[in-house]
Amino acid sequence: MRKDIESCVAAIRQKIKGKDEQIQLALVCLLAKGHLLLEDLPGMGKTTLSQCLASVLSMDYARVQFTSDLLPADMLGVNIYEPDTHQFSFHPGPIFHQVLLADEINRASPKTQSALLEAMAESQVTIDGNSYELPTPFFVIATQNPLFQSGTYPLPESQIDRFTMKLSLGFPDFAAEKSMLLNDDDKLITKSVIDTAQLLDLQKQVSAVVVSEAVVDYILALVNATRNNQEFPNALSPRASKAIYHCAQAFAFIHDRNYVIPEDVQMIFPSVTEHRLRGQDQYAQTANLLSAQLLKKVDPIAA
């Protein structure tokens, strides 16, 4: 693994123990210029992970607690009339930060959830006919609780598809939880490892990672296998194809390679596609991952 990425993982590992794979994939999502959905039970470290990512990468951070009465203007900002100038002035909301944590996103109404769509797709927001650019880099991390918990609204497929990856932290293992109890990790300060300029440079380097035509054919074979098969009621969109492509580049990059191999695609594939394949049924408790079935059906050699 690249030394700078390994340093980032080591810094986050001080507070999120025993979850190196999820930390790596979260960094992959950011380096691929995507957005991340964290779905898990309360108290599993979702918010802590987002705070650590922002600190390690020196990014401005804002947290919005999504509730049933949250309005789009509470997140995006609002035009306020100024009596002195007799004009309206725009007061930006918390979305104008490099990292936005949309905490418990599925507790807000669909109207508020949909206010994020333009921001996530185009890195801008439009208010009263005026468009405002969001900072660069811009990274949305949304957390959500399982749908069976009270007071939650399912995310629409259009929004699910805009999240490049979905991760779950899960329960820590025995050793990690014991270390958490014996050491006062809450007082640890996650220090900056790389600055914003370095992060932008890393993202630029990721986009230059070579993807051969054979690997592109493999990605397209996987995607097309979902489009004419009733086993996969939610076919993967072209946006999903791009997400697989860019995340495979980022995964190869953090492992110090300037080219993508089929194994890179396979490693990021479940995190990029499972929530898309399941749609609003993504909360179903099942050991049979649709993404795993798909990887078994499509041979990378044949592609």
Protein backbone atom coordinates (compact mmCIF):
# COMPACT_ATOMS: atom_id res chain seq x y z
CA MET A 1 0.00 0.00 0.00
CA ARG A 2 1.17 3.56 -0.70
CA LYS A 3 2.90 5.09 2.32
CA ASP A 4 0.70 8.22 2.43
CA ILE A 5 -2.48 6.13 2.28
CA GLU A 6 -1.08 3.72 4.87
CA SER A 7 -0.41 6.71 7.16
CA CYS A 8 -4.03 7.84 6.74
CA VAL A 9 -5.31 4.36 7.59
CA ALA A 10 -3.01 4.16 10.63
CA ALA A 11 -4.24 7.54 11.92
CA ILE A 12 -7.91 6.57 11.57
CA ARG A 13 -7.22 3.12 13.03
CA GLN A 14 -6.42 4.76 16.37
CA LYS A 15 -10.13 5.50 16.82
CA ILE A 16 -11.80 2.95 14.50
CA LYS A 17 -10.24 -0.35 15.53
CA GLY A 18 -10.32 -3.58 13.57
CA LYS A 19 -11.92 -2.04 10.47
CA ASP A 20 -8.97 -1.54 8.11
CA GLU A 21 -10.88 -2.85 5.08
CA GLN A 22 -13.74 -0.38 5.57
CA ILE A 23 -11.29 2.48 6.15
CA GLN A 24 -9.44 1.64 2.93
CA LEU A 25 -12.68 1.46 0.94
CA ALA A 26 -13.83 4.81 2.36
CA LEU A 27 -10.56 6.35 1.15
CA VAL A 28 -11.06 4.66 -2.23
CA CYS A 29 -14.50 6.29 -2.48
CA LEU A 30 -13.06 9.73 -1.73
CA LEU A 31 -10.12 9.35 -4.13
CA ALA A 32 -12.60 8.30 -6.84
CA LYS A 33 -14.49 11.59 -6.24
CA GLY A 34 -17.56 9.71 -5.06
CA HIS A 35 -19.96 9.88 -2.14
CA LEU A 36 -20.32 7.37 0.69
CA LEU A 37 -23.33 5.79 2.38
CA LEU A 38 -22.76 4.19 5.80
CA GLU A 39 -25.60 1.91 6.91
CA ASP A 40 -25.51 0.30 10.32
CA LEU A 41 -27.09 0.14 13.74
CA PRO A 42 -26.68 3.19 16.03
CA GLY A 43 -23.42 3.44 17.97
CA MET A 44 -21.21 1.54 15.52
CA GLY A 45 -18.79 4.39 14.74
CA LYS A 46 -20.27 5.84 11.54
CA THR A 47 -20.00 9.46 12.71
CA THR A 48 -16.55 8.88 14.19
CA LEU A 49 -15.29 7.51 10.86
CA SER A 50 -16.54 10.58 8.98
CA GLN A 51 -14.90 12.94 11.49
CA CYS A 52 -11.61 11.04 11.28
CA LEU A 53 -11.61 11.13 7.47
CA ALA A 54 -12.10 14.91 7.48
CA SER A 55 -9.37 15.43 10.10
CA VAL A 56 -6.79 13.17 8.45
CA LEU A 57 -7.34 14.81 5.05
CA SER A 58 -7.49 18.42 6.37
CA MET A 59 -10.99 19.00 4.97
CA ASP A 60 -13.62 21.44 6.22
CA TYR A 61 -16.34 19.45 7.97
CA ALA A 62 -20.00 20.04 8.75
CA ARG A 63 -22.55 17.72 10.29
CA VAL A 64 -26.30 17.97 9.70
CA GLN A 65 -28.63 15.90 11.85
CA PHE A 66 -31.46 14.82 9.57
CA THR A 67 -34.85 14.85 11.27
CA SER A 68 -38.44 14.71 10.04
CA ASP A 69 -38.81 18.51 10.31
CA LEU A 70 -35.52 19.40 8.56
CA LEU A 71 -36.10 21.69 5.55
CA PRO A 72 -33.95 21.88 2.40
CA ALA A 73 -33.03 25.50 3.28
CA ASP A 74 -31.60 24.31 6.61
CA MET A 75 -28.97 22.43 4.63
CA LEU A 76 -28.52 24.43 1.42
CA GLY A 77 -28.88 27.97 2.68
CA VAL A 78 -31.37 30.75 2.11
CA ASN A 79 -31.75 34.23 0.61
CA ILE A 80 -32.47 36.80 3.32
CA TYR A 81 -33.77 40.31 2.67
CA GLU A 82 -31.42 43.03 3.94
CA PRO A 83 -33.36 46.21 4.90
CA ASP A 84 -30.24 48.39 4.67
CA THR A 85 -29.50 47.53 1.03
CA HIS A 86 -33.07 46.59 0.00
CA GLN A 87 -31.63 43.48 -1.57
CA PHE A 88 -31.54 39.77 -0.87
CA SER A 89 -28.24 38.24 0.21
CA PHE A 90 -27.45 34.54 0.16
CA HIS A 91 -26.53 32.90 3.46
CA PRO A 92 -24.88 29.55 2.66
CA GLY A 93 -25.86 26.46 4.62
CA PRO A 94 -23.67 23.65 5.95
CA ILE A 95 -23.53 21.97 2.54
CA PHE A 96 -20.85 24.53 1.62
CA HIS A 97 -18.14 22.47 3.32
CA GLN A 98 -15.74 19.99 1.79
CA VAL A 99 -17.14 17.13 3.88
CA LEU A 100 -20.85 17.06 4.66
CA LEU A 101 -22.05 14.43 7.10
CA ALA A 102 -25.74 13.82 6.49
CA ASP A 103 -26.38 12.02 9.76
CA GLU A 104 -29.32 9.58 9.75
CA ILE A 105 -30.33 10.70 6.27
CA ASN A 106 -33.30 8.35 6.14
CA ARG A 107 -35.01 10.15 9.03
CA ALA A 108 -35.65 13.24 6.88
CA SER A 109 -38.57 13.63 4.50
CA PRO A 110 -38.12 12.74 0.81
CA LYS A 111 -38.24 16.47 -0.07
CA THR A 112 -35.18 17.16 2.09
CA GLN A 113 -33.38 14.03 0.91
CA SER A 114 -33.85 15.08 -2.72
CA ALA A 115 -32.21 18.46 -2.03
CA LEU A 116 -28.88 16.62 -2.08
CA LEU A 117 -29.30 15.21 -5.59
CA GLU A 118 -27.96 18.20 -7.56
CA ALA A 119 -25.11 18.73 -5.11
CA MET A 120 -23.97 15.11 -5.35
CA ALA A 121 -24.22 14.92 -9.14
CA GLU A 122 -22.98 18.36 -10.20
CA SER A 123 -21.15 19.83 -7.15
CA GLN A 124 -23.44 22.84 -7.15
CA VAL A 125 -26.78 23.92 -5.71
CA THR A 126 -29.47 26.10 -7.30
CA ILE A 127 -31.46 28.41 -5.06
CA ASP A 128 -34.05 30.89 -6.37
CA GLY A 129 -32.68 30.48 -9.90
CA ASN A 130 -29.05 31.13 -8.97
CA SER A 131 -26.40 28.38 -9.02
CA TYR A 132 -23.64 28.26 -6.43
CA GLU A 133 -20.50 26.15 -6.78
CA LEU A 134 -19.60 23.85 -3.90
CA PRO A 135 -16.04 23.62 -2.55
CA THR A 136 -13.46 21.29 -4.06
CA PRO A 137 -13.10 18.50 -3.12
CA PHE A 138 -16.71 17.88 -2.10
CA PHE A 139 -17.57 14.65 -0.30
CA VAL A 140 -20.97 13.64 1.09
CA ILE A 141 -21.01 10.98 3.80
CA ALA A 142 -24.52 9.89 4.71
CA THR A 143 -25.33 7.59 7.60
CA GLN A 144 -28.55 5.71 7.99
CA ASN A 145 -30.14 3.25 10.35
CA PRO A 146 -31.83 0.06 9.13
CA LEU A 147 -35.31 0.63 7.70
CA PHE A 148 -36.97 -1.56 10.31
CA GLN A 149 -36.17 1.09 12.96
CA SER A 150 -38.91 3.57 13.76
CA GLY A 151 -39.08 7.00 12.10
CA THR A 152 -37.17 6.16 8.92
CA TYR A 153 -38.00 6.84 5.25
CA PRO A 154 -36.57 4.65 2.47
CA LEU A 155 -34.14 6.38 0.15
CA PRO A 156 -35.43 6.61 -3.44
CA GLU A 157 -33.50 4.68 -6.09
CA SER A 158 -32.40 7.94 -7.73
CA GLN A 159 -30.56 8.89 -4.56
CA ILE A 160 -29.25 5.40 -3.81
CA ASP A 161 -27.62 5.42 -7.26
CA ARG A 162 -25.78 8.67 -6.48
CA PHE A 163 -23.89 7.08 -3.60
CA THR A 164 -20.75 5.64 -5.12
CA MET A 165 -20.30 3.14 -2.28
CA LYS A 166 -22.23 1.75 0.65
CA LEU A 167 -20.32 0.34 3.62
CA SER A 168 -21.26 -1.20 6.94
CA LEU A 169 -18.82 -1.20 9.84
CA GLY A 170 -20.42 -4.03 11.79
CA PHE A 171 -19.61 -5.04 15.36
CA PRO A 172 -15.95 -4.87 16.41
CA ASP A 173 -14.19 -8.12 17.21
CA PHE A 174 -13.39 -9.10 20.80
CA ALA A 175 -9.83 -7.69 20.83
CA ALA A 176 -10.83 -4.38 19.21
CA GLU A 177 -13.72 -3.80 21.62
CA LYS A 178 -11.56 -4.71 24.60
CA SER A 179 -8.95 -2.18 23.50
CA MET A 180 -11.71 0.39 23.08
CA LEU A 181 -12.88 -0.15 26.67
CA LEU A 182 -9.43 -0.18 28.26
CA ASN A 183 -8.13 2.89 26.42
CA ASP A 184 -9.80 6.30 26.43
CA ASP A 185 -9.91 6.71 22.66
CA ASP A 186 -12.44 9.58 22.86
CA LYS A 187 -9.66 11.94 23.97
CA LEU A 188 -7.40 11.04 21.04
CA ILE A 189 -7.09 13.80 18.45
CA THR A 190 -6.87 12.58 14.86
CA LYS A 191 -4.09 14.64 13.30
CA SER A 192 -3.86 15.80 9.71
CA VAL A 193 -1.79 13.54 7.47
CA ILE A 194 -2.17 15.20 4.06
CA ASP A 195 -3.49 18.63 3.10
CA THR A 196 -6.15 19.58 0.56
CA ALA A 197 -3.64 20.31 -2.21
CA GLN A 198 -2.11 16.86 -1.76
CA LEU A 199 -5.56 15.26 -1.80
CA LEU A 200 -6.47 16.99 -5.06
CA ASP A 201 -3.18 15.80 -6.53
CA LEU A 202 -3.91 12.23 -5.41
CA GLN A 203 -7.34 12.40 -7.06
CA LYS A 204 -5.68 13.61 -10.25
CA GLN A 205 -3.20 10.73 -10.14
CA VAL A 206 -6.06 8.24 -9.62
CA SER A 207 -7.76 9.44 -12.80
CA ALA A 208 -4.53 8.67 -14.71
CA VAL A 209 -4.42 5.00 -13.64
CA VAL A 210 -4.55 2.85 -16.77
CA VAL A 211 -7.62 0.66 -17.37
CA SER A 212 -7.05 -1.77 -20.23
CA GLU A 213 -9.73 -2.56 -22.79
CA ALA A 214 -9.98 -6.10 -21.40
CA VAL A 215 -10.81 -4.76 -17.91
CA VAL A 216 -13.34 -2.33 -19.40
CA ASP A 217 -14.95 -5.29 -21.20
CA TYR A 218 -15.08 -7.14 -17.86
CA ILE A 219 -16.82 -4.20 -16.17
CA LEU A 220 -19.34 -3.93 -19.01
CA ALA A 221 -19.96 -7.69 -18.97
CA LEU A 222 -20.81 -7.46 -15.26
CA VAL A 223 -23.10 -4.49 -15.78
CA ASN A 224 -24.88 -5.93 -18.80
CA ALA A 225 -25.49 -9.20 -16.97
CA THR A 226 -27.95 -7.31 -14.73
CA ARG A 227 -29.94 -5.72 -17.56
CA ASN A 228 -31.61 -8.75 -19.12
CA ASN A 229 -31.83 -11.09 -16.16
CA GLN A 230 -34.84 -11.31 -13.84
CA GLU A 231 -32.59 -12.35 -10.99
CA PHE A 232 -31.49 -8.70 -10.87
CA PRO A 233 -34.65 -6.55 -10.83
CA ASN A 234 -32.61 -3.35 -10.42
CA ALA A 235 -30.22 -3.15 -13.36
CA LEU A 236 -26.93 -1.28 -12.97
CA SER A 237 -26.97 2.15 -14.59
CA PRO A 238 -24.21 3.87 -16.61
CA ARG A 239 -23.50 5.85 -13.44
CA ALA A 240 -22.78 2.52 -11.74
CA SER A 241 -20.43 1.58 -14.60
CA LYS A 242 -18.47 4.79 -14.05
CA ALA A 243 -18.40 4.20 -10.29
CA ILE A 244 -16.94 0.70 -10.76
CA TYR A 245 -14.37 2.07 -13.22
CA HIS A 246 -13.20 4.96 -11.01
CA CYS A 247 -13.20 2.95 -7.77
CA ALA A 248 -11.16 0.20 -9.42
CA GLN A 249 -8.65 2.89 -10.45
CA ALA A 250 -8.51 4.19 -6.87
CA PHE A 251 -8.12 0.70 -5.41
CA ALA A 252 -5.22 -0.04 -7.76
CA PHE A 253 -3.68 3.34 -6.90
CA ILE A 254 -3.69 2.88 -3.13
CA HIS A 255 -2.00 -0.49 -3.67
CA ASP A 256 0.76 1.30 -5.56
CA ARG A 257 -0.11 0.19 -9.08
CA ASN A 258 -0.67 2.45 -12.10
CA TYR A 259 -2.90 -0.08 -13.86
CA VAL A 260 -6.11 -1.93 -12.97
CA ILE A 261 -6.42 -5.71 -12.82
CA PRO A 262 -9.67 -7.74 -12.63
CA GLU A 263 -9.05 -8.40 -8.92
CA ASP A 264 -9.35 -4.64 -8.27
CA VAL A 265 -12.80 -4.67 -9.84
CA GLN A 266 -13.79 -7.69 -7.76
CA MET A 267 -12.60 -6.13 -4.48
CA ILE A 268 -14.65 -2.94 -4.83
CA PHE A 269 -17.60 -4.48 -6.68
CA PRO A 270 -19.84 -5.44 -3.69
CA SER A 271 -19.48 -2.01 -2.04
CA VAL A 272 -20.24 -0.20 -5.29
CA THR A 273 -23.13 -2.33 -6.56
CA GLU A 274 -24.96 -4.17 -3.77
CA HIS A 275 -27.07 -1.18 -2.70
CA ARG A 276 -27.91 -0.43 -6.33
CA LEU A 277 -28.89 -4.01 -7.15
CA ARG A 278 -31.19 -4.22 -4.14
CA GLY A 279 -32.72 -0.74 -4.41
CA GLN A 280 -35.17 -0.16 -1.57
CA ASP A 281 -34.79 -3.83 -0.64
CA GLN A 282 -31.19 -3.13 0.39
CA TYR A 283 -32.09 -3.53 4.07
CA ALA A 284 -33.10 -7.20 3.66
CA GLN A 285 -31.09 -9.40 5.98
CA THR A 286 -29.57 -11.99 3.66
CA ALA A 287 -26.27 -13.78 3.30
CA ASN A 288 -26.77 -14.15 -0.48
CA LEU A 289 -25.25 -10.98 -1.91
CA LEU A 290 -26.45 -10.26 -5.44
CA SER A 291 -23.06 -8.78 -6.25
CA ALA A 292 -21.33 -12.03 -5.24
CA GLN A 293 -23.70 -14.02 -7.47
CA LEU A 294 -22.88 -11.68 -10.33
CA LEU A 295 -19.13 -12.07 -9.89
CA LYS A 296 -19.55 -15.86 -10.06
CA LYS A 297 -21.60 -15.65 -13.27
CA VAL A 298 -19.17 -13.50 -15.25
CA ASP A 299 -15.72 -14.86 -15.99
CA PRO A 300 -13.05 -12.14 -16.30
CA ILE A 301 -11.12 -14.27 -18.78
CA ALA A 302 -14.17 -14.69 -21.00
CA ALA A 303 -14.77 -10.94 -20.83
